[in-house]
Amino acid sequence: MGKPQPEARRVYFTIFFGFMWLLFLALWLILYAEAFSLIQNIGIFLLSLVIVGIIMVVLLVPWSYRLPE
């Protein structure tokens, strides 16, 4: 028996949110970044990274708790 694999929907959601985050960053840089200072743009980047990280934790941590030790 191999290593347990995450459910397919968790993998798809992870890929989906990763692409949506990249799309958000691209649109932000193209459409809105000029209106904000460098520090504010760095803040937006970090905030978006934290939000995506929280989503990934919510998706994958429950699965990891069900793994055998």
N, C-alpha and C. Protein backbone atom coordinates (compact mmCIF):
# COMPACT_ATOMS: atom_id res chain seq x y z
N MET A 1 0.85 -1.17 0.00
CA MET A 1 0.00 0.00 0.00
C MET A 1 0.90 1.24 0.00
N GLY A 2 0.63 2.19 -0.91
CA GLY A 2 1.41 3.40 -1.01
C GLY A 2 0.96 4.46 -0.02
N LYS A 3 1.53 5.61 -0.16
CA LYS A 3 1.17 6.72 0.71
C LYS A 3 -0.26 7.16 0.39
N PRO A 4 -1.03 7.56 1.41
CA PRO A 4 -2.38 8.04 1.16
C PRO A 4 -2.35 9.33 0.34
N GLN A 5 -3.23 9.41 -0.63
CA GLN A 5 -3.33 10.58 -1.49
C GLN A 5 -4.49 11.46 -1.04
N PRO A 6 -4.36 12.78 -1.18
CA PRO A 6 -5.49 13.63 -0.85
C PRO A 6 -6.64 13.41 -1.83
N GLU A 7 -7.84 13.75 -1.39
CA GLU A 7 -9.00 13.61 -2.26
C GLU A 7 -8.82 14.50 -3.49
N ALA A 8 -9.37 14.07 -4.59
CA ALA A 8 -9.19 14.79 -5.85
C ALA A 8 -9.70 16.22 -5.76
N ARG A 9 -10.81 16.42 -5.07
CA ARG A 9 -11.35 17.78 -5.01
C ARG A 9 -10.42 18.73 -4.26
N ARG A 10 -9.69 18.23 -3.29
CA ARG A 10 -8.72 19.07 -2.58
C ARG A 10 -7.59 19.48 -3.51
N VAL A 11 -7.15 18.57 -4.33
CA VAL A 11 -6.10 18.88 -5.30
C VAL A 11 -6.60 19.91 -6.30
N TYR A 12 -7.81 19.72 -6.81
CA TYR A 12 -8.37 20.66 -7.79
C TYR A 12 -8.57 22.04 -7.18
N PHE A 13 -9.05 22.10 -5.94
CA PHE A 13 -9.22 23.40 -5.29
C PHE A 13 -7.88 24.09 -5.06
N THR A 14 -6.86 23.33 -4.71
CA THR A 14 -5.53 23.90 -4.51
C THR A 14 -5.01 24.51 -5.81
N ILE A 15 -5.14 23.78 -6.89
CA ILE A 15 -4.71 24.28 -8.20
C ILE A 15 -5.54 25.50 -8.59
N PHE A 16 -6.85 25.43 -8.39
CA PHE A 16 -7.74 26.54 -8.73
C PHE A 16 -7.36 27.81 -7.97
N PHE A 17 -7.18 27.70 -6.64
CA PHE A 17 -6.84 28.88 -5.86
C PHE A 17 -5.45 29.41 -6.20
N GLY A 18 -4.54 28.53 -6.56
CA GLY A 18 -3.22 28.98 -6.99
C GLY A 18 -3.30 29.82 -8.27
N PHE A 19 -4.06 29.34 -9.24
CA PHE A 19 -4.23 30.09 -10.47
C PHE A 19 -5.00 31.39 -10.25
N MET A 20 -6.01 31.36 -9.40
CA MET A 20 -6.78 32.57 -9.12
C MET A 20 -5.91 33.63 -8.42
N TRP A 21 -5.00 33.16 -7.57
CA TRP A 21 -4.10 34.10 -6.90
C TRP A 21 -3.17 34.75 -7.93
N LEU A 22 -2.62 33.94 -8.84
CA LEU A 22 -1.76 34.50 -9.89
C LEU A 22 -2.53 35.46 -10.79
N LEU A 23 -3.76 35.12 -11.12
CA LEU A 23 -4.60 36.01 -11.93
C LEU A 23 -4.87 37.31 -11.19
N PHE A 24 -5.18 37.23 -9.89
CA PHE A 24 -5.39 38.43 -9.09
C PHE A 24 -4.15 39.31 -9.12
N LEU A 25 -2.97 38.71 -8.91
CA LEU A 25 -1.74 39.51 -8.90
C LEU A 25 -1.50 40.17 -10.25
N ALA A 26 -1.72 39.44 -11.33
CA ALA A 26 -1.52 40.02 -12.66
C ALA A 26 -2.48 41.17 -12.91
N LEU A 27 -3.75 40.98 -12.57
CA LEU A 27 -4.73 42.06 -12.77
C LEU A 27 -4.43 43.25 -11.87
N TRP A 28 -4.00 42.97 -10.65
CA TRP A 28 -3.65 44.06 -9.73
C TRP A 28 -2.51 44.89 -10.31
N LEU A 29 -1.47 44.21 -10.79
CA LEU A 29 -0.32 44.93 -11.32
C LEU A 29 -0.67 45.72 -12.57
N ILE A 30 -1.54 45.18 -13.40
CA ILE A 30 -1.91 45.85 -14.64
C ILE A 30 -2.86 47.02 -14.39
N LEU A 31 -3.86 46.82 -13.52
CA LEU A 31 -4.94 47.79 -13.40
C LEU A 31 -4.82 48.75 -12.20
N TYR A 32 -4.29 48.29 -11.08
CA TYR A 32 -4.40 49.09 -9.87
C TYR A 32 -3.09 49.51 -9.23
N ALA A 33 -2.01 48.88 -9.54
CA ALA A 33 -0.76 49.09 -8.80
C ALA A 33 -0.24 50.52 -8.91
N GLU A 34 -0.48 51.17 -10.02
CA GLU A 34 0.03 52.53 -10.21
C GLU A 34 -0.56 53.52 -9.22
N ALA A 35 -1.77 53.28 -8.77
CA ALA A 35 -2.46 54.20 -7.88
C ALA A 35 -1.96 54.10 -6.44
N PHE A 36 -1.14 53.11 -6.12
CA PHE A 36 -0.68 52.89 -4.76
C PHE A 36 0.84 52.99 -4.70
N SER A 37 1.35 53.28 -3.51
CA SER A 37 2.80 53.36 -3.34
C SER A 37 3.40 51.96 -3.31
N LEU A 38 4.73 51.91 -3.33
CA LEU A 38 5.42 50.63 -3.30
C LEU A 38 5.10 49.86 -2.02
N ILE A 39 5.10 50.55 -0.89
CA ILE A 39 4.81 49.91 0.39
C ILE A 39 3.38 49.36 0.40
N GLN A 40 2.43 50.10 -0.13
CA GLN A 40 1.05 49.62 -0.18
C GLN A 40 0.92 48.42 -1.10
N ASN A 41 1.62 48.43 -2.22
CA ASN A 41 1.58 47.27 -3.13
C ASN A 41 2.21 46.04 -2.49
N ILE A 42 3.28 46.22 -1.74
CA ILE A 42 3.88 45.10 -1.02
C ILE A 42 2.89 44.58 0.02
N GLY A 43 2.19 45.50 0.69
CA GLY A 43 1.17 45.09 1.66
C GLY A 43 0.05 44.28 1.02
N ILE A 44 -0.40 44.70 -0.15
CA ILE A 44 -1.44 43.96 -0.87
C ILE A 44 -0.93 42.57 -1.24
N PHE A 45 0.30 42.48 -1.71
CA PHE A 45 0.89 41.20 -2.05
C PHE A 45 0.93 40.28 -0.83
N LEU A 46 1.43 40.81 0.29
CA LEU A 46 1.54 39.99 1.50
C LEU A 46 0.17 39.58 2.01
N LEU A 47 -0.79 40.49 1.99
CA LEU A 47 -2.15 40.16 2.44
C LEU A 47 -2.76 39.07 1.55
N SER A 48 -2.57 39.18 0.24
CA SER A 48 -3.11 38.15 -0.65
C SER A 48 -2.42 36.82 -0.41
N LEU A 49 -1.13 36.84 -0.14
CA LEU A 49 -0.40 35.62 0.16
C LEU A 49 -0.90 34.97 1.44
N VAL A 50 -1.19 35.78 2.45
CA VAL A 50 -1.72 35.25 3.71
C VAL A 50 -3.11 34.64 3.50
N ILE A 51 -3.95 35.31 2.72
CA ILE A 51 -5.30 34.80 2.47
C ILE A 51 -5.25 33.47 1.73
N VAL A 52 -4.40 33.37 0.71
CA VAL A 52 -4.28 32.12 -0.03
C VAL A 52 -3.68 31.04 0.88
N GLY A 53 -2.74 31.41 1.72
CA GLY A 53 -2.17 30.45 2.66
C GLY A 53 -3.21 29.92 3.63
N ILE A 54 -4.08 30.79 4.12
CA ILE A 54 -5.15 30.36 5.03
C ILE A 54 -6.09 29.40 4.31
N ILE A 55 -6.42 29.70 3.07
CA ILE A 55 -7.30 28.82 2.30
C ILE A 55 -6.65 27.44 2.11
N MET A 56 -5.35 27.43 1.81
CA MET A 56 -4.66 26.15 1.63
C MET A 56 -4.61 25.36 2.94
N VAL A 57 -4.40 26.04 4.05
CA VAL A 57 -4.38 25.36 5.35
C VAL A 57 -5.74 24.76 5.64
N VAL A 58 -6.80 25.52 5.40
CA VAL A 58 -8.16 25.03 5.64
C VAL A 58 -8.46 23.82 4.76
N LEU A 59 -7.94 23.80 3.55
CA LEU A 59 -8.18 22.68 2.65
C LEU A 59 -7.38 21.43 3.01
N LEU A 60 -6.12 21.60 3.40
CA LEU A 60 -5.23 20.45 3.50
C LEU A 60 -4.99 19.94 4.91
N VAL A 61 -5.13 20.76 5.93
CA VAL A 61 -4.87 20.29 7.29
C VAL A 61 -5.87 19.23 7.74
N PRO A 62 -7.17 19.38 7.48
CA PRO A 62 -8.08 18.30 7.89
C PRO A 62 -7.72 16.95 7.25
N TRP A 63 -7.27 16.97 6.02
CA TRP A 63 -6.85 15.74 5.37
C TRP A 63 -5.62 15.15 6.06
N SER A 64 -4.67 16.01 6.43
CA SER A 64 -3.44 15.51 7.04
C SER A 64 -3.68 14.93 8.43
N TYR A 65 -4.70 15.41 9.14
CA TYR A 65 -5.01 14.84 10.46
C TYR A 65 -5.55 13.42 10.36
N ARG A 66 -6.09 13.05 9.22
CA ARG A 66 -6.63 11.69 9.06
C ARG A 66 -5.57 10.69 8.64
N LEU A 67 -4.34 11.15 8.40
CA LEU A 67 -3.28 10.23 8.00
C LEU A 67 -2.84 9.40 9.18
N PRO A 68 -2.50 8.17 8.93
CA PRO A 68 -1.96 7.36 10.04
C PRO A 68 -0.57 7.85 10.41
N GLU A 69 -0.23 7.68 11.66
CA GLU A 69 1.07 8.17 12.13
C GLU A 69 2.19 7.24 11.84
